[in-house]
Amino acid sequence: MKLFSLDETPYEPVSHDPRLKKKVIVKDILPSISSISHIILEPGNIVTEHTHYDFFEIFYCISGSAIFSIKRNLFSIEKGNLLFIEPNEPHAIIEVLRETKFLYLHIHVQK
């Protein structure tokens, strides 16, 4: 059994945009899960389009809403939605409508 606390986890910059911050709750807990993070985005924050070749991303929206672009198609993500992004899918967060909190999982592709 392992217990982790969001309150005791420091913020760190997001790798592809250091202006954005996240709390990485745990790293390398299982062979396939690289990290589990808590992300808070404010109105005006964006994440430019990018692609990951070696991992999946899962965003669970805890609160708020944001607009994602996945393969240039727009998706409104709100509280209770789970977004699954596959390797090689170009994606971006193009608009944050109000403060939005995500639980984020970074999962390695199994080879």
C-alpha atoms as a PDB file:
ATOM      1  CA  MET A   1       0.000   0.000   0.000  1.00  0.00           C
ATOM      2  CA  LYS A   2       1.199   3.485  -0.808  1.00  0.00           C
ATOM      3  CA  LEU A   3      -0.464   6.766   0.074  1.00  0.00           C
ATOM      4  CA  PHE A   4       0.333  10.075  -1.619  1.00  0.00           C
ATOM      5  CA  SER A   5      -0.800  13.584  -0.705  1.00  0.00           C
ATOM      6  CA  LEU A   6      -1.622  16.311  -3.206  1.00  0.00           C
ATOM      7  CA  ASP A   7      -1.148  18.902  -0.446  1.00  0.00           C
ATOM      8  CA  GLU A   8       2.460  17.807   0.110  1.00  0.00           C
ATOM      9  CA  THR A   9       3.357  17.738  -3.583  1.00  0.00           C
ATOM     10  CA  PRO A  10       5.199  20.792  -4.993  1.00  0.00           C
ATOM     11  CA  TYR A  11       4.371  22.390  -8.325  1.00  0.00           C
ATOM     12  CA  GLU A  12       6.782  21.875 -11.221  1.00  0.00           C
ATOM     13  CA  PRO A  13       6.818  23.219 -14.790  1.00  0.00           C
ATOM     14  CA  VAL A  14       5.176  21.344 -17.665  1.00  0.00           C
ATOM     15  CA  SER A  15       7.952  20.058 -19.966  1.00  0.00           C
ATOM     16  CA  HIS A  16       6.675  21.537 -23.239  1.00  0.00           C
ATOM     17  CA  ASP A  17       5.551  24.852 -21.697  1.00  0.00           C
ATOM     18  CA  PRO A  18       7.370  25.835 -18.473  1.00  0.00           C
ATOM     19  CA  ARG A  19       4.935  28.735 -17.903  1.00  0.00           C
ATOM     20  CA  LEU A  20       2.362  26.103 -16.934  1.00  0.00           C
ATOM     21  CA  LYS A  21       2.635  24.203 -13.656  1.00  0.00           C
ATOM     22  CA  LYS A  22       1.529  20.787 -12.447  1.00  0.00           C
ATOM     23  CA  LYS A  23       1.840  18.696  -9.304  1.00  0.00           C
ATOM     24  CA  VAL A  24       3.331  15.309 -10.114  1.00  0.00           C
ATOM     25  CA  ILE A  25       1.772  13.226  -7.370  1.00  0.00           C
ATOM     26  CA  VAL A  26       3.772  10.102  -8.164  1.00  0.00           C
ATOM     27  CA  LYS A  27       6.370   9.043 -10.750  1.00  0.00           C
ATOM     28  CA  ASP A  28       7.177   5.572 -12.051  1.00  0.00           C
ATOM     29  CA  ILE A  29       4.775   3.847  -9.676  1.00  0.00           C
ATOM     30  CA  LEU A  30       4.130   1.015 -12.156  1.00  0.00           C
ATOM     31  CA  PRO A  31       6.183  -0.059 -15.172  1.00  0.00           C
ATOM     32  CA  SER A  32       3.747   1.504 -17.640  1.00  0.00           C
ATOM     33  CA  ILE A  33       2.672   4.615 -15.686  1.00  0.00           C
ATOM     34  CA  SER A  34       5.301   7.318 -15.888  1.00  0.00           C
ATOM     35  CA  SER A  35       3.411   9.808 -13.727  1.00  0.00           C
ATOM     36  CA  ILE A  36       0.105  10.818 -12.188  1.00  0.00           C
ATOM     37  CA  SER A  37      -0.319  14.580 -11.898  1.00  0.00           C
ATOM     38  CA  HIS A  38      -2.785  17.251 -10.826  1.00  0.00           C
ATOM     39  CA  ILE A  39      -2.981  20.135 -13.294  1.00  0.00           C
ATOM     40  CA  ILE A  40      -4.720  23.484 -12.760  1.00  0.00           C
ATOM     41  CA  LEU A  41      -5.230  25.717 -15.800  1.00  0.00           C
ATOM     42  CA  GLU A  42      -6.479  29.279 -15.644  1.00  0.00           C
ATOM     43  CA  PRO A  43      -8.383  31.222 -18.323  1.00  0.00           C
ATOM     44  CA  GLY A  44      -5.826  32.410 -20.870  1.00  0.00           C
ATOM     45  CA  ASN A  45      -3.573  29.355 -20.455  1.00  0.00           C
ATOM     46  CA  ILE A  46      -2.986  27.387 -23.640  1.00  0.00           C
ATOM     47  CA  VAL A  47      -0.903  24.364 -24.572  1.00  0.00           C
ATOM     48  CA  THR A  48       0.452  24.569 -28.119  1.00  0.00           C
ATOM     49  CA  GLU A  49      -0.060  21.668 -30.493  1.00  0.00           C
ATOM     50  CA  HIS A  50       2.376  18.824 -29.948  1.00  0.00           C
ATOM     51  CA  THR A  51       2.629  15.053 -30.338  1.00  0.00           C
ATOM     52  CA  HIS A  52       4.012  12.300 -28.141  1.00  0.00           C
ATOM     53  CA  TYR A  53       5.344   9.223 -29.856  1.00  0.00           C
ATOM     54  CA  ASP A  54       5.973   7.012 -26.864  1.00  0.00           C
ATOM     55  CA  PHE A  55       3.073   7.491 -24.462  1.00  0.00           C
ATOM     56  CA  PHE A  56      -0.657   7.844 -23.946  1.00  0.00           C
ATOM     57  CA  GLU A  57      -2.177  10.737 -22.011  1.00  0.00           C
ATOM     58  CA  ILE A  58      -5.350  10.548 -19.954  1.00  0.00           C
ATOM     59  CA  PHE A  59      -7.041  13.720 -18.697  1.00  0.00           C
ATOM     60  CA  TYR A  60      -9.889  13.403 -16.182  1.00  0.00           C
ATOM     61  CA  CYS A  61     -11.625  16.763 -15.678  1.00  0.00           C
ATOM     62  CA  ILE A  62     -12.247  17.337 -11.971  1.00  0.00           C
ATOM     63  CA  SER A  63     -13.740  20.809 -12.462  1.00  0.00           C
ATOM     64  CA  GLY A  64     -14.017  23.601 -15.013  1.00  0.00           C
ATOM     65  CA  SER A  65     -13.917  23.343 -18.790  1.00  0.00           C
ATOM     66  CA  ALA A  66     -11.436  23.665 -21.612  1.00  0.00           C
ATOM     67  CA  ILE A  67     -11.351  23.223 -25.367  1.00  0.00           C
ATOM     68  CA  PHE A  68      -8.898  20.688 -26.765  1.00  0.00           C
ATOM     69  CA  SER A  69      -7.826  20.256 -30.358  1.00  0.00           C
ATOM     70  CA  ILE A  70      -7.152  16.617 -31.240  1.00  0.00           C
ATOM     71  CA  LYS A  71      -6.027  16.043 -34.837  1.00  0.00           C
ATOM     72  CA  ARG A  72      -7.408  19.557 -35.509  1.00  0.00           C
ATOM     73  CA  ASN A  73     -10.907  18.591 -34.298  1.00  0.00           C
ATOM     74  CA  LEU A  74     -12.272  20.596 -31.352  1.00  0.00           C
ATOM     75  CA  PHE A  75     -13.610  18.972 -28.178  1.00  0.00           C
ATOM     76  CA  SER A  76     -15.124  20.710 -25.164  1.00  0.00           C
ATOM     77  CA  ILE A  77     -13.997  18.923 -22.003  1.00  0.00           C
ATOM     78  CA  GLU A  78     -15.935  19.521 -18.787  1.00  0.00           C
ATOM     79  CA  LYS A  79     -16.218  18.214 -15.246  1.00  0.00           C
ATOM     80  CA  GLY A  80     -16.620  14.444 -15.304  1.00  0.00           C
ATOM     81  CA  ASN A  81     -15.178  13.941 -18.814  1.00  0.00           C
ATOM     82  CA  LEU A  82     -12.267  11.581 -19.423  1.00  0.00           C
ATOM     83  CA  LEU A  83     -10.080  12.328 -22.446  1.00  0.00           C
ATOM     84  CA  PHE A  84      -7.773   9.612 -23.800  1.00  0.00           C
ATOM     85  CA  ILE A  85      -5.040  10.792 -26.217  1.00  0.00           C
ATOM     86  CA  GLU A  86      -3.161   8.119 -28.133  1.00  0.00           C
ATOM     87  CA  PRO A  87       0.471   8.230 -29.252  1.00  0.00           C
ATOM     88  CA  ASN A  88       1.052  10.235 -32.452  1.00  0.00           C
ATOM     89  CA  GLU A  89      -2.183  12.231 -32.081  1.00  0.00           C
ATOM     90  CA  PRO A  90      -1.434  15.954 -32.475  1.00  0.00           C
ATOM     91  CA  HIS A  91      -3.184  17.761 -29.637  1.00  0.00           C
ATOM     92  CA  ALA A  92      -3.424  21.144 -27.948  1.00  0.00           C
ATOM     93  CA  ILE A  93      -5.456  22.987 -25.337  1.00  0.00           C
ATOM     94  CA  ILE A  94      -6.675  26.021 -27.234  1.00  0.00           C
ATOM     95  CA  GLU A  95      -8.898  27.668 -24.637  1.00  0.00           C
ATOM     96  CA  VAL A  96      -9.511  27.420 -20.901  1.00  0.00           C
ATOM     97  CA  LEU A  97     -12.994  28.785 -20.197  1.00  0.00           C
ATOM     98  CA  ARG A  98     -12.653  28.952 -16.401  1.00  0.00           C
ATOM     99  CA  GLU A  99     -10.255  27.512 -13.843  1.00  0.00           C
ATOM    100  CA  THR A 100      -9.952  23.862 -14.806  1.00  0.00           C
ATOM    101  CA  LYS A 101      -8.471  21.002 -12.798  1.00  0.00           C
ATOM    102  CA  PHE A 102      -7.333  17.720 -14.312  1.00  0.00           C
ATOM    103  CA  LEU A 103      -6.061  14.447 -12.959  1.00  0.00           C
ATOM    104  CA  TYR A 104      -3.474  13.526 -15.592  1.00  0.00           C
ATOM    105  CA  LEU A 105      -1.891  10.141 -16.304  1.00  0.00           C
ATOM    106  CA  HIS A 106       1.186   9.685 -18.474  1.00  0.00           C
ATOM    107  CA  ILE A 107       1.366   6.051 -19.678  1.00  0.00           C
ATOM    108  CA  HIS A 108       4.289   4.550 -21.618  1.00  0.00           C
ATOM    109  CA  VAL A 109       3.646   2.533 -24.757  1.00  0.00           C
ATOM    110  CA  GLN A 110       4.404  -1.110 -24.039  1.00  0.00           C
ATOM    111  CA  LYS A 111       6.983  -2.548 -26.431  1.00  0.00           C
END
